[in-house]
Every structure is written in C-alpha cells, then in structure tokens.
Amino acid sequence: MGGAISALAGASFFLQADKGGASLTNLAGCAFLGGVFFLISALRLKSAEQNG
C-alpha cells in the first residue's frame, strides 16, 4: 500500500514540476502523510509482536 501511495505521489510531483509556480507545499504534505503512515505501521507491528 505504501509503495503505491509513493508511486502516485512521485508521478504527481513529476507532472507538477513543469508547471509555473511550483512549490514544496505538496511535498511537505506527502512527507507528513508518509510519516503518519509509517508511524501507524510501526505501532501495528509492535502490537502484533506483543500479542503473537
């Protein structure tokens, strides 16, 4: 799931790079969401390790 999200984000950045007025706002949003995703994944793995 994370790989697909990253691929879509990368394609989006690639398409937006050619437009005028490009900014890092979208990149920051993607980085934040990626961080949240990996935090949730880590918490789930830790929970599974404790229960397993």
Protein backbone atom coordinates (compact mmCIF):
# COMPACT_ATOMS: atom_id res chain seq x y z
CA MET A 1 0.00 0.00 0.00
CA GLY A 2 2.76 2.42 0.94
CA GLY A 3 4.59 1.76 -2.32
CA ALA A 4 1.51 2.57 -4.39
CA ILE A 5 0.99 5.82 -2.49
CA SER A 6 4.63 6.76 -3.03
CA ALA A 7 4.39 5.97 -6.75
CA LEU A 8 1.31 8.16 -7.12
CA ALA A 9 2.95 10.97 -5.18
CA GLY A 10 6.08 10.73 -7.33
CA ALA A 11 4.05 10.85 -10.54
CA SER A 12 2.17 13.85 -9.19
CA PHE A 13 5.43 15.70 -8.40
CA PHE A 14 6.80 14.84 -11.83
CA LEU A 15 3.73 16.25 -13.58
CA GLN A 16 3.68 19.40 -11.44
CA ALA A 17 7.40 20.14 -11.87
CA ASP A 18 6.84 21.55 -15.36
CA LYS A 19 4.14 24.00 -14.21
CA GLY A 20 4.99 27.55 -13.24
CA GLY A 21 4.86 28.47 -9.57
CA ALA A 22 5.78 25.00 -8.32
CA SER A 23 6.24 24.87 -4.55
CA LEU A 24 7.24 22.42 -1.86
CA THR A 25 3.82 22.51 -0.20
CA ASN A 26 2.68 19.28 -1.84
CA LEU A 27 5.96 17.61 -0.97
CA ALA A 28 5.58 18.62 2.68
CA GLY A 29 2.05 17.21 2.75
CA CYS A 30 3.22 13.94 1.27
CA ALA A 31 6.11 13.71 3.74
CA PHE A 32 3.73 14.31 6.65
CA LEU A 33 1.25 11.68 5.47
CA GLY A 34 4.08 9.24 4.82
CA GLY A 35 5.36 9.79 8.36
CA VAL A 36 1.90 9.15 9.80
CA PHE A 37 1.55 6.01 7.68
CA PHE A 38 4.89 4.61 8.87
CA LEU A 39 4.13 5.51 12.50
CA ILE A 40 0.84 3.60 12.31
CA SER A 41 2.64 0.67 10.67
CA ALA A 42 5.27 0.61 13.41
CA LEU A 43 2.63 0.68 16.14
CA ARG A 44 0.73 -2.16 14.49
CA LEU A 45 3.88 -4.25 14.18
CA LYS A 46 4.76 -3.64 17.83
CA SER A 47 1.24 -4.62 18.87
CA ALA A 48 1.36 -7.78 16.75
CA GLU A 49 4.75 -8.68 18.26
CA GLN A 50 3.41 -8.33 21.80
CA ASN A 51 0.26 -10.33 21.05
CA GLY A 52 1.98 -13.01 18.98
